C-alpha atoms as a PDB file:
ATOM      1  CA  MET A   1       0.000   0.000   0.000  1.00  0.00           C
ATOM      2  CA  LYS A   2       2.797   2.383   0.886  1.00  0.00           C
ATOM      3  CA  LYS A   3       4.495   1.616  -2.429  1.00  0.00           C
ATOM      4  CA  ILE A   4       1.293   2.424  -4.314  1.00  0.00           C
ATOM      5  CA  ILE A   5       0.901   5.764  -2.486  1.00  0.00           C
ATOM      6  CA  LEU A   6       4.561   6.605  -3.155  1.00  0.00           C
ATOM      7  CA  LEU A   7       4.121   5.746  -6.834  1.00  0.00           C
ATOM      8  CA  LEU A   8       1.035   7.942  -7.086  1.00  0.00           C
ATOM      9  CA  LEU A   9       2.924  10.813  -5.444  1.00  0.00           C
ATOM     10  CA  LEU A  10       5.800  10.456  -7.896  1.00  0.00           C
ATOM     11  CA  VAL A  11       3.455  10.386 -10.885  1.00  0.00           C
ATOM     12  CA  SER A  12       1.506  13.389  -9.602  1.00  0.00           C
ATOM     13  CA  THR A  13       4.704  15.360  -8.954  1.00  0.00           C
ATOM     14  CA  LYS A  14       6.069  14.567 -12.394  1.00  0.00           C
ATOM     15  CA  SER A  15       2.782  15.624 -13.992  1.00  0.00           C
ATOM     16  CA  LEU A  16       2.757  18.880 -12.022  1.00  0.00           C
ATOM     17  CA  LEU A  17       6.336  19.704 -13.000  1.00  0.00           C
ATOM     18  CA  ALA A  18       5.555  18.964 -16.638  1.00  0.00           C
ATOM     19  CA  GLN A  19       2.734  21.481 -16.529  1.00  0.00           C
ATOM     20  CA  GLY A  20       5.035  23.908 -14.738  1.00  0.00           C
ATOM     21  CA  ASP A  21       7.659  23.907 -17.531  1.00  0.00           C
ATOM     22  CA  ARG A  22       8.714  27.445 -18.199  1.00  0.00           C
ATOM     23  CA  GLU A  23      11.008  29.522 -20.357  1.00  0.00           C
ATOM     24  CA  ILE A  24      13.088  32.074 -18.459  1.00  0.00           C
ATOM     25  CA  THR A  25      14.815  34.840 -20.346  1.00  0.00           C
ATOM     26  CA  TYR A  26      16.526  38.062 -19.363  1.00  0.00           C
ATOM     27  CA  GLY A  27      17.587  41.033 -21.410  1.00  0.00           C
ATOM     28  CA  LEU A  28      17.769  44.733 -22.120  1.00  0.00           C
ATOM     29  CA  PHE A  29      15.368  47.168 -23.750  1.00  0.00           C
ATOM     30  CA  GLY A  30      15.424  50.787 -24.823  1.00  0.00           C
ATOM     31  CA  GLY A  31      13.455  53.302 -26.796  1.00  0.00           C
ATOM     32  CA  GLY A  32      11.686  56.632 -26.869  1.00  0.00           C
ATOM     33  CA  ILE A  33       9.027  58.010 -24.560  1.00  0.00           C
ATOM     34  CA  TYR A  34       6.586  60.915 -24.885  1.00  0.00           C
ATOM     35  CA  SER A  35       5.208  62.155 -21.568  1.00  0.00           C
ATOM     36  CA  LYS A  36       3.125  64.949 -20.112  1.00  0.00           C
ATOM     37  CA  MET A  37       2.283  66.096 -16.582  1.00  0.00           C
ATOM     38  CA  SER A  38      -1.294  67.271 -16.033  1.00  0.00           C
ATOM     39  CA  ASN A  39      -2.703  70.365 -14.293  1.00  0.00           C
ATOM     40  CA  LEU A  40       0.520  72.409 -14.240  1.00  0.00           C
ATOM     41  CA  PRO A  41      -1.185  75.708 -15.236  1.00  0.00           C
ATOM     42  CA  ASP A  42      -3.354  75.589 -12.095  1.00  0.00           C
ATOM     43  CA  VAL A  43      -0.221  75.142  -9.958  1.00  0.00           C
ATOM     44  CA  ILE A  44       1.559  78.207 -11.349  1.00  0.00           C
ATOM     45  CA  VAL A  45      -1.390  80.582 -11.826  1.00  0.00           C
ATOM     46  CA  PRO A  46      -4.458  79.590  -9.774  1.00  0.00           C
ATOM     47  CA  LYS A  47      -7.771  80.194 -11.510  1.00  0.00           C
ATOM     48  CA  GLY A  48      -9.361  83.607 -10.989  1.00  0.00           C
ATOM     49  CA  ILE A  49      -6.140  85.480 -10.159  1.00  0.00           C
ATOM     50  CA  TYR A  50      -6.051  87.543 -13.344  1.00  0.00           C
ATOM     51  CA  GLU A  51      -6.887  87.457 -17.051  1.00  0.00           C
ATOM     52  CA  GLY A  52      -5.221  88.304 -20.335  1.00  0.00           C
ATOM     53  CA  TYR A  53      -2.786  85.429 -20.568  1.00  0.00           C
ATOM     54  CA  THR A  54      -2.380  81.921 -21.975  1.00  0.00           C
ATOM     55  CA  LEU A  55      -0.612  79.097 -20.155  1.00  0.00           C
ATOM     56  CA  LYS A  56      -0.326  75.789 -21.992  1.00  0.00           C
ATOM     57  CA  GLU A  57       1.254  72.425 -21.253  1.00  0.00           C
ATOM     58  CA  GLU A  58       3.291  70.672 -23.908  1.00  0.00           C
ATOM     59  CA  GLY A  59       4.560  67.111 -23.635  1.00  0.00           C
ATOM     60  CA  LYS A  60       8.205  66.235 -24.287  1.00  0.00           C
ATOM     61  CA  PHE A  61      10.130  63.369 -25.833  1.00  0.00           C
ATOM     62  CA  GLY A  62      12.722  61.507 -23.810  1.00  0.00           C
ATOM     63  CA  GLY A  63      14.524  58.210 -23.595  1.00  0.00           C
ATOM     64  CA  THR A  64      13.962  55.015 -21.634  1.00  0.00           C
ATOM     65  CA  GLY A  65      15.897  51.800 -21.121  1.00  0.00           C
ATOM     66  CA  GLY A  66      16.281  48.989 -18.661  1.00  0.00           C
ATOM     67  CA  PHE A  67      16.717  45.363 -17.671  1.00  0.00           C
ATOM     68  CA  PHE A  68      14.036  42.660 -17.513  1.00  0.00           C
ATOM     69  CA  ILE A  69      13.500  39.036 -16.517  1.00  0.00           C
ATOM     70  CA  ASN A  70      10.632  37.181 -18.204  1.00  0.00           C
ATOM     71  CA  TRP A  71       9.074  34.003 -16.758  1.00  0.00           C
ATOM     72  CA  LYS A  72       7.028  32.473 -19.568  1.00  0.00           C
ATOM     73  CA  TYR A  73       4.671  29.484 -19.197  1.00  0.00           C
ATOM     74  CA  PRO A  74       3.981  28.334 -22.777  1.00  0.00           C
ATOM     75  CA  TYR A  75       1.337  25.770 -21.843  1.00  0.00           C
ATOM     76  CA  ALA A  76      -0.785  28.536 -20.301  1.00  0.00           C
ATOM     77  CA  LYS A  77       0.202  31.230 -22.840  1.00  0.00           C
ATOM     78  CA  VAL A  78       1.140  33.626 -20.046  1.00  0.00           C
ATOM     79  CA  ALA A  79       4.260  35.253 -18.626  1.00  0.00           C
ATOM     80  CA  ILE A  80       5.352  37.459 -15.748  1.00  0.00           C
ATOM     81  CA  GLN A  81       7.947  40.080 -16.624  1.00  0.00           C
ATOM     82  CA  THR A  82       9.767  42.061 -13.917  1.00  0.00           C
ATOM     83  CA  GLU A  83      11.707  45.200 -14.781  1.00  0.00           C
ATOM     84  CA  VAL A  84      14.068  47.894 -13.574  1.00  0.00           C
ATOM     85  CA  SER A  85      14.448  50.831 -15.927  1.00  0.00           C
ATOM     86  CA  TYR A  86      15.388  54.483 -16.355  1.00  0.00           C
ATOM     87  CA  SER A  87      13.211  57.103 -18.039  1.00  0.00           C
ATOM     88  CA  GLY A  88      13.559  60.802 -18.744  1.00  0.00           C
ATOM     89  CA  GLN A  89      10.137  62.468 -18.663  1.00  0.00           C
ATOM     90  CA  GLY A  90       9.207  66.097 -18.935  1.00  0.00           C
ATOM     91  CA  THR A  91       6.673  68.794 -19.702  1.00  0.00           C
ATOM     92  CA  ASP A  92       7.031  72.342 -21.011  1.00  0.00           C
ATOM     93  CA  LEU A  93       4.757  75.060 -19.679  1.00  0.00           C
ATOM     94  CA  ASN A  94       4.488  78.063 -22.019  1.00  0.00           C
ATOM     95  CA  TYR A  95       3.184  81.447 -20.843  1.00  0.00           C
ATOM     96  CA  GLU A  96       2.280  84.578 -22.823  1.00  0.00           C
ATOM     97  CA  ASP A  97       0.262  87.634 -21.789  1.00  0.00           C
ATOM     98  CA  VAL A  98      -1.136  90.812 -23.325  1.00  0.00           C
ATOM     99  CA  LYS A  99       1.789  92.873 -21.985  1.00  0.00           C
ATOM    100  CA  GLY A 100       4.259  90.863 -24.038  1.00  0.00           C
ATOM    101  CA  LEU A 101       5.797  88.728 -21.318  1.00  0.00           C
ATOM    102  CA  LYS A 102       6.718  85.227 -22.457  1.00  0.00           C
ATOM    103  CA  TYR A 103       8.312  82.471 -20.460  1.00  0.00           C
ATOM    104  CA  LYS A 104       8.867  78.738 -20.544  1.00  0.00           C
ATOM    105  CA  MET A 105       9.133  76.370 -17.581  1.00  0.00           C
ATOM    106  CA  THR A 106      10.618  72.979 -18.347  1.00  0.00           C
ATOM    107  CA  PHE A 107       9.938  70.201 -15.858  1.00  0.00           C
ATOM    108  CA  GLY A 108      12.574  67.620 -16.783  1.00  0.00           C
ATOM    109  CA  TYR A 109      12.479  64.721 -14.351  1.00  0.00           C
ATOM    110  CA  SER A 110      14.407  61.453 -14.329  1.00  0.00           C
ATOM    111  CA  TYR A 111      13.037  58.234 -12.853  1.00  0.00           C
ATOM    112  CA  ILE A 112      14.170  54.789 -11.828  1.00  0.00           C
ATOM    113  CA  ASN A 113      11.147  52.577 -12.502  1.00  0.00           C
ATOM    114  CA  VAL A 114      10.416  49.226 -10.864  1.00  0.00           C
ATOM    115  CA  GLY A 115       7.451  47.033 -11.742  1.00  0.00           C
ATOM    116  CA  ALA A 116       6.030  43.896 -13.285  1.00  0.00           C
ATOM    117  CA  GLN A 117       3.652  42.952 -16.078  1.00  0.00           C
ATOM    118  CA  PHE A 118       1.292  40.052 -16.513  1.00  0.00           C
ATOM    119  CA  LYS A 119       1.516  39.098 -20.191  1.00  0.00           C
ATOM    120  CA  PHE A 120      -0.900  37.013 -22.242  1.00  0.00           C
ATOM    121  CA  TYR A 121      -0.044  35.499 -25.636  1.00  0.00           C
ATOM    122  CA  PRO A 122      -3.186  35.193 -27.809  1.00  0.00           C
ATOM    123  CA  ALA A 123      -0.962  34.162 -30.745  1.00  0.00           C
ATOM    124  CA  GLU A 124       2.584  32.889 -31.098  1.00  0.00           C
ATOM    125  CA  GLY A 125       5.002  35.719 -30.373  1.00  0.00           C
ATOM    126  CA  PHE A 126       2.323  38.389 -29.884  1.00  0.00           C
ATOM    127  CA  TYR A 127       1.489  39.535 -26.350  1.00  0.00           C
ATOM    128  CA  ILE A 128      -0.619  42.025 -24.458  1.00  0.00           C
ATOM    129  CA  GLY A 129       0.284  43.029 -20.926  1.00  0.00           C
ATOM    130  CA  VAL A 130      -0.797  44.958 -17.867  1.00  0.00           C
ATOM    131  CA  GLY A 131       0.895  45.713 -14.580  1.00  0.00           C
ATOM    132  CA  PRO A 132       1.744  48.103 -11.713  1.00  0.00           C
ATOM    133  CA  TYR A 133       4.886  50.230 -11.548  1.00  0.00           C
ATOM    134  CA  VAL A 134       6.472  52.851  -9.305  1.00  0.00           C
ATOM    135  CA  GLY A 135       8.705  55.662 -10.547  1.00  0.00           C
ATOM    136  CA  PHE A 136      11.387  56.955  -8.152  1.00  0.00           C
ATOM    137  CA  ASN A 137      12.251  60.565  -9.001  1.00  0.00           C
ATOM    138  CA  ILE A 138      16.052  61.025  -8.963  1.00  0.00           C
ATOM    139  CA  ALA A 139      16.040  64.634 -10.231  1.00  0.00           C
ATOM    140  CA  SER A 140      13.282  66.166  -8.133  1.00  0.00           C
ATOM    141  CA  ASP A 141      14.341  69.825  -8.562  1.00  0.00           C
ATOM    142  CA  ASN A 142      15.155  69.775 -12.271  1.00  0.00           C
ATOM    143  CA  ILE A 143      13.111  72.788 -13.396  1.00  0.00           C
ATOM    144  CA  LYS A 144      14.389  75.317 -15.922  1.00  0.00           C
ATOM    145  CA  TYR A 145      13.005  78.799 -16.533  1.00  0.00           C
ATOM    146  CA  THR A 146      13.629  81.095 -19.490  1.00  0.00           C
ATOM    147  CA  SER A 147      11.828  84.325 -20.451  1.00  0.00           C
ATOM    148  CA  ASN A 148      12.023  87.582 -22.389  1.00  0.00           C
ATOM    149  CA  ALA A 149      11.753  89.580 -19.152  1.00  0.00           C
ATOM    150  CA  GLN A 150      15.093  91.363 -19.467  1.00  0.00           C
ATOM    151  CA  GLN A 151      14.266  92.468 -22.996  1.00  0.00           C
ATOM    152  CA  LEU A 152      10.964  93.922 -21.746  1.00  0.00           C
ATOM    153  CA  PHE A 153      12.844  95.626 -18.899  1.00  0.00           C
ATOM    154  CA  ALA A 154      15.250  97.234 -21.382  1.00  0.00           C
ATOM    155  CA  ASP A 155      12.385  98.375 -23.643  1.00  0.00           C
ATOM    156  CA  SER A 156       9.869  99.587 -21.051  1.00  0.00           C
ATOM    157  CA  GLY A 157      11.779 100.106 -17.809  1.00  0.00           C
ATOM    158  CA  VAL A 158       9.365  97.809 -15.944  1.00  0.00           C
ATOM    159  CA  TYR A 159      11.364  95.641 -13.534  1.00  0.00           C
ATOM    160  CA  PHE A 160      11.205  91.861 -13.741  1.00  0.00           C
ATOM    161  CA  GLU A 161      13.072  89.338 -11.631  1.00  0.00           C
ATOM    162  CA  PRO A 162      16.046  87.791 -13.454  1.00  0.00           C
ATOM    163  CA  ASP A 163      15.418  84.318 -14.826  1.00  0.00           C
ATOM    164  CA  ALA A 164      17.965  82.802 -12.427  1.00  0.00           C
ATOM    165  CA  ASN A 165      16.051  84.146  -9.412  1.00  0.00           C
ATOM    166  CA  VAL A 166      12.710  82.844 -10.694  1.00  0.00           C
ATOM    167  CA  GLN A 167      14.243  79.443 -11.432  1.00  0.00           C
ATOM    168  CA  LYS A 168      15.657  79.265  -7.905  1.00  0.00           C
ATOM    169  CA  VAL A 169      12.206  79.991  -6.442  1.00  0.00           C
ATOM    170  CA  LEU A 170      10.632  77.313  -8.635  1.00  0.00           C
ATOM    171  CA  LYS A 171      13.176  74.715  -7.526  1.00  0.00           C
ATOM    172  CA  GLU A 172      12.498  75.571  -3.883  1.00  0.00           C
ATOM    173  CA  SER A 173       8.709  75.645  -4.246  1.00  0.00           C
ATOM    174  CA  LEU A 174       7.997  72.635  -6.479  1.00  0.00           C
ATOM    175  CA  THR A 175       9.381  69.164  -5.833  1.00  0.00           C
ATOM    176  CA  GLY A 176       9.010  66.140  -8.096  1.00  0.00           C
ATOM    177  CA  LYS A 177       7.669  63.095  -6.241  1.00  0.00           C
ATOM    178  CA  ASN A 178       7.796  59.335  -6.579  1.00  0.00           C
ATOM    179  CA  TYR A 179       4.550  58.090  -8.107  1.00  0.00           C
ATOM    180  CA  PHE A 180       2.620  54.949  -8.956  1.00  0.00           C
ATOM    181  CA  TYR A 181       1.332  54.187 -12.430  1.00  0.00           C
ATOM    182  CA  GLY A 182      -0.216  51.398 -14.449  1.00  0.00           C
ATOM    183  CA  VAL A 183       1.086  50.073 -17.770  1.00  0.00           C
ATOM    184  CA  LEU A 184      -0.839  48.675 -20.729  1.00  0.00           C
ATOM    185  CA  SER A 185       1.413  47.103 -23.342  1.00  0.00           C
ATOM    186  CA  ALA A 186       1.427  45.157 -26.601  1.00  0.00           C
ATOM    187  CA  GLY A 187       4.299  43.740 -28.576  1.00  0.00           C
ATOM    188  CA  TYR A 188       5.861  40.954 -30.560  1.00  0.00           C
ATOM    189  CA  GLU A 189       8.727  38.639 -29.603  1.00  0.00           C
ATOM    190  CA  PHE A 190      10.658  37.283 -32.596  1.00  0.00           C
ATOM    191  CA  SER A 191      12.320  33.888 -32.684  1.00  0.00           C
ATOM    192  CA  ASN A 192      15.771  35.548 -32.959  1.00  0.00           C
ATOM    193  CA  ASN A 193      15.365  37.021 -29.427  1.00  0.00           C
ATOM    194  CA  LEU A 194      14.497  40.520 -30.646  1.00  0.00           C
ATOM    195  CA  SER A 195      11.255  42.118 -29.507  1.00  0.00           C
ATOM    196  CA  VAL A 196       9.336  45.303 -30.216  1.00  0.00           C
ATOM    197  CA  GLY A 197       6.557  46.849 -28.182  1.00  0.00           C
ATOM    198  CA  ALA A 198       4.421  49.842 -27.351  1.00  0.00           C
ATOM    199  CA  ARG A 199       3.263  50.995 -23.922  1.00  0.00           C
ATOM    200  CA  TYR A 200       0.794  53.408 -22.461  1.00  0.00           C
ATOM    201  CA  SER A 201       1.460  54.475 -18.879  1.00  0.00           C
ATOM    202  CA  LEU A 202      -1.375  55.948 -16.821  1.00  0.00           C
ATOM    203  CA  GLY A 203      -0.418  57.975 -13.756  1.00  0.00           C
ATOM    204  CA  LEU A 204      -2.306  56.910 -10.636  1.00  0.00           C
ATOM    205  CA  THR A 205      -0.870  59.213  -7.956  1.00  0.00           C
ATOM    206  CA  ASP A 206       0.336  62.803  -7.638  1.00  0.00           C
ATOM    207  CA  ALA A 207       3.846  63.362  -9.082  1.00  0.00           C
ATOM    208  CA  LEU A 208       4.486  66.943  -7.895  1.00  0.00           C
ATOM    209  CA  MET A 209       4.524  68.504  -4.428  1.00  0.00           C
ATOM    210  CA  THR A 210       4.029  72.227  -3.861  1.00  0.00           C
ATOM    211  CA  GLU A 211       6.013  73.392  -0.842  1.00  0.00           C
ATOM    212  CA  GLU A 212       4.966  76.335   1.317  1.00  0.00           C
ATOM    213  CA  ASN A 213       5.743  79.499  -0.630  1.00  0.00           C
ATOM    214  CA  GLY A 214       4.826  83.159  -0.988  1.00  0.00           C
ATOM    215  CA  HIS A 215       4.313  83.105  -4.743  1.00  0.00           C
ATOM    216  CA  ARG A 216       0.763  81.750  -5.069  1.00  0.00           C
ATOM    217  CA  TYR A 217       1.981  78.382  -6.345  1.00  0.00           C
ATOM    218  CA  SER A 218      -0.721  75.981  -5.221  1.00  0.00           C
ATOM    219  CA  GLU A 219      -0.957  72.247  -4.534  1.00  0.00           C
ATOM    220  CA  ASN A 220      -2.768  70.233  -7.185  1.00  0.00           C
ATOM    221  CA  LYS A 221      -3.122  66.704  -8.503  1.00  0.00           C
ATOM    222  CA  ASN A 222      -0.418  66.399 -11.134  1.00  0.00           C
ATOM    223  CA  LYS A 223      -0.302  63.013 -12.826  1.00  0.00           C
ATOM    224  CA  ILE A 224       2.065  61.820 -15.548  1.00  0.00           C
ATOM    225  CA  ASN A 225       0.835  59.910 -18.593  1.00  0.00           C
ATOM    226  CA  SER A 226       3.175  58.637 -21.293  1.00  0.00           C
ATOM    227  CA  ILE A 227       3.489  56.608 -24.475  1.00  0.00           C
ATOM    228  CA  SER A 228       6.652  54.692 -25.308  1.00  0.00           C
ATOM    229  CA  LEU A 229       8.010  52.574 -28.154  1.00  0.00           C
ATOM    230  CA  ILE A 230      10.737  50.096 -27.261  1.00  0.00           C
ATOM    231  CA  ILE A 231      12.965  47.424 -28.743  1.00  0.00           C
ATOM    232  CA  GLY A 232      14.528  44.656 -26.692  1.00  0.00           C
ATOM    233  CA  TYR A 233      16.909  41.725 -26.858  1.00  0.00           C
ATOM    234  CA  SER A 234      16.736  38.671 -24.603  1.00  0.00           C
ATOM    235  CA  PHE A 235      19.035  35.830 -23.524  1.00  0.00           C
ATOM    236  CA  ASP A 236      18.085  32.354 -22.306  1.00  0.00           C
ATOM    237  CA  PHE A 237      19.046  31.080 -18.872  1.00  0.00           C
ATOM    238  CA  ASP A 238      21.099  27.883 -19.175  1.00  0.00           C
ATOM    239  CA  ASP A 239      19.940  26.405 -15.887  1.00  0.00           C
ATOM    240  CA  LEU A 240      16.197  26.783 -15.250  1.00  0.00           C
ATOM    241  CA  GLY A 241      16.547  24.916 -11.989  1.00  0.00           C
ATOM    242  CA  ASN A 242      18.006  27.993 -10.341  1.00  0.00           C
ATOM    243  CA  PHE A 243      14.661  29.763 -10.555  1.00  0.00           C
END
């Protein structure tokens, strides 16, 4: 009886391991990213303060790249991919008023991103994915300010703060934060280990903190959304038993 039970256990274990066969790969990816932070005009000039101006956000292109490990289960047509990556994301804020003042604020943040995707393969090589990520801001005061204020001062005699002073105030008043976001992805993995993909990242939490200040900069919900196109290359692990 004991031998029969032991035999059944061995058969069951072997069957389970057969179903658990997996393909583990690791690799690198890189590409371009277009991102934009929301609600910046309401941070700089709260509604109802004055009229006669325009203040518009404009997304910026940047780069992204990182390292991944992909656990693929072919029998179930699914995979789990974990990642660590870098991304440069930014937004320009352009101001112009009826008195001729023009300025540009550039919010140029850098992030270390950590997350994972659940991937489903509806067809050989093609996948769709979804997963949670967190972006750690490693350049939280990277704000640049340029204007035509000194030209207006020379022409009209009306005093404006130098750009360097305004930029210093912005860096002290506005701080880039770590934030959580969700990723929707689609791509194709070729048999030669190359892959291509597209991603849409939806910001879930506030990515900018407004410190106490005397310049009417106000706290708001500023979320970052982005679109990226990437290309990757993967390598196979020789010993699957280590994972």
